Protein backbone atom coordinates (compact mmCIF):
# COMPACT_ATOMS: atom_id res chain seq x y z
CA MET A 1 3.69 22.85 -14.10
CA ARG A 2 1.44 26.10 -14.42
CA ASP A 3 1.82 27.33 -10.72
CA LEU A 4 5.43 26.55 -10.46
CA GLN A 5 5.38 28.00 -13.79
CA THR A 6 4.67 32.13 -12.60
CA LYS A 7 6.88 31.27 -9.56
CA LEU A 8 9.48 30.80 -11.59
CA ALA A 9 8.89 34.23 -13.39
CA SER A 10 7.96 36.60 -11.00
CA GLN A 11 11.44 36.23 -9.07
CA ARG A 12 13.45 38.57 -8.08
CA ASP A 13 16.56 37.12 -8.94
CA VAL A 14 18.37 33.85 -9.99
CA SER A 15 19.09 32.50 -6.53
CA THR A 16 15.74 32.85 -5.58
CA ALA A 17 14.31 31.31 -8.65
CA ASP A 18 17.63 28.61 -7.84
CA PHE A 19 15.17 28.25 -4.80
CA THR A 20 12.03 27.52 -5.54
CA LEU A 21 13.06 25.47 -8.45
CA LYS A 22 15.55 23.21 -5.96
CA ALA A 23 12.06 23.29 -3.19
CA ALA A 24 9.38 22.22 -6.05
CA VAL A 25 12.14 19.19 -7.02
CA LYS A 26 11.85 17.78 -3.80
CA GLN A 27 8.05 18.20 -3.86
CA PHE A 28 8.49 16.29 -6.55
CA GLU A 29 10.82 14.03 -5.57
CA ALA A 30 8.65 13.36 -1.63
CA ARG A 31 5.50 12.41 -3.87
CA TYR A 32 7.03 10.19 -6.12
CA PRO A 33 10.65 8.97 -5.66
CA LEU A 34 12.52 6.69 -7.33
CA VAL A 35 11.60 3.16 -7.51
CA LEU A 36 13.18 0.02 -8.33
CA VAL A 37 10.88 -2.04 -10.38
CA GLU A 38 11.31 -5.41 -12.15
CA GLY A 39 11.99 -5.17 -16.06
CA PRO A 40 12.84 -8.35 -18.56
CA LYS A 41 16.15 -9.07 -16.90
CA ARG A 42 16.82 -6.86 -13.95
CA LEU A 43 15.12 -4.20 -11.00
CA GLN A 44 15.04 -0.74 -13.30
CA PRO A 45 15.03 2.77 -11.29
CA CYS A 46 11.91 4.93 -12.10
CA TYR A 47 9.43 6.96 -11.50
CA LEU A 48 5.57 5.33 -10.75
CA ASP A 49 3.21 7.95 -11.28
CA ASP A 50 -0.56 7.78 -9.56
CA HIS A 51 -1.68 5.44 -12.45
CA ASN A 52 1.30 2.93 -12.00
CA VAL A 53 2.81 4.03 -15.06
CA GLU A 54 6.23 4.08 -14.97
CA TYR A 55 8.98 6.78 -16.35
CA HIS A 56 12.23 5.03 -17.29
CA THR A 57 15.07 6.62 -18.49
CA PRO A 58 15.66 5.92 -21.98
CA GLY A 59 20.04 5.82 -21.80
CA LYS A 60 21.48 6.48 -24.79
CA ALA A 61 18.42 6.39 -27.09
CA LEU A 62 17.60 9.33 -27.25
CA HIS A 63 15.38 10.50 -29.76
CA GLY A 64 12.29 11.89 -28.59
CA LEU A 65 13.01 15.09 -30.88
CA PRO A 66 9.58 15.93 -32.19
CA HIS A 67 10.38 17.69 -36.41
CA ALA A 68 8.33 20.23 -38.34
CA THR A 69 7.95 17.56 -40.87
CA ASP A 70 6.14 15.35 -39.26
CA GLY A 71 3.52 18.11 -38.61
CA HIS A 72 4.47 19.96 -35.36
CA PRO A 73 3.86 23.72 -35.57
CA VAL A 74 7.11 25.99 -34.29
CA SER A 75 5.36 25.80 -30.66
CA CYS A 76 6.38 21.84 -30.39
CA ILE A 77 9.97 22.79 -31.91
CA LEU A 78 10.24 25.24 -29.77
CA GLY A 79 9.04 23.49 -27.20
CA ALA A 80 11.67 21.30 -27.68
CA TYR A 81 14.31 22.82 -26.42
CA ARG A 82 12.80 25.36 -22.85
CA ARG A 83 11.00 23.66 -19.88
CA LEU A 84 10.64 26.07 -17.38
CA GLY A 85 12.95 27.99 -19.27
CA ALA A 86 15.70 25.79 -18.60
CA PRO A 87 17.23 24.47 -22.01
CA PHE A 88 17.36 20.64 -21.90
CA ASN A 89 18.90 17.42 -24.66
CA THR A 90 15.37 17.97 -27.39
CA ALA A 91 16.63 14.24 -28.04
CA PHE A 92 15.05 12.84 -24.09
CA HIS A 93 12.21 11.25 -23.06
CA TYR A 94 10.47 8.88 -20.78
CA ASP A 95 10.31 5.51 -21.74
CA CYS A 96 6.44 5.30 -20.10
CA ARG A 97 4.87 1.11 -19.86
CA LYS A 98 2.53 -0.30 -17.48
CA GLY A 99 4.41 -3.20 -15.34
CA ARG A 100 5.32 -6.81 -16.90
CA ARG A 101 1.69 -6.81 -17.63
CA GLY A 102 0.88 -4.97 -21.02
CA ASN A 103 1.37 -2.28 -23.21
CA LEU A 104 0.77 0.88 -22.12
CA LYS A 105 -2.27 2.61 -23.87
CA GLY A 106 -5.01 4.92 -23.53
CA GLN A 107 -5.66 8.66 -24.52
CA PHE A 108 -2.75 10.81 -24.27
CA PHE A 109 -2.92 14.61 -25.50
CA THR A 110 0.30 14.89 -26.85
CA CYS A 111 2.47 18.68 -27.41
CA HIS A 112 0.15 20.40 -29.76
CA GLU A 113 -3.09 18.52 -29.85
CA VAL A 114 -6.53 20.01 -27.93
CA GLU A 115 -8.15 16.33 -27.33
CA ALA A 116 -6.91 13.46 -26.87
CA VAL A 117 -5.87 10.33 -29.42
CA PRO A 118 -6.25 6.54 -28.38
CA MET A 119 -1.56 5.30 -27.95
CA GLU A 120 -1.11 2.02 -27.39
CA GLY A 121 2.92 1.15 -26.94
CA ASP A 122 4.59 -1.68 -27.31
CA PRO A 123 5.04 -1.80 -25.02
CA HIS A 124 6.44 1.54 -23.44
CA ILE A 125 5.02 5.50 -25.43
CA ASN A 126 8.29 7.83 -25.33
CA ILE A 127 7.36 11.24 -23.07
CA ALA A 128 9.18 14.38 -23.95
CA PRO A 129 9.04 16.77 -20.99
CA ASN A 130 7.43 19.28 -23.89
CA ASP A 131 4.86 16.34 -23.98
CA PHE A 132 5.82 15.68 -27.39
CA ILE A 133 5.06 11.45 -27.69
CA ARG A 134 5.92 9.06 -30.26
CA ILE A 135 5.26 5.37 -30.48
């Protein structure tokens, strides 16, 4: 992400930045293609990372926005509106789970924590593009 951010910031025009971003997306999708996994009722599309964590889009259930009243600094709130300089839906997140065998659990860095925090989903954890995590 840092490398991509640096590349995008150094581009001289929008078309070059657009090409750089599209190349990064293509590289990501080559390494992590969309796969179908067994869901509770049917096969579901998701991205699967190197630890077999499934990243499912939430459909219409958008509730990933951090609130300042929940102890988030302003940087978290601002980060919920843009990633790599581009705007996105502030409530977008992925439902992340560890397959059908159990709850996703582990040590996670959230949007503003300096140390990892233990968390366990029931069965999934919501992770937003700005690293806001909601159980």
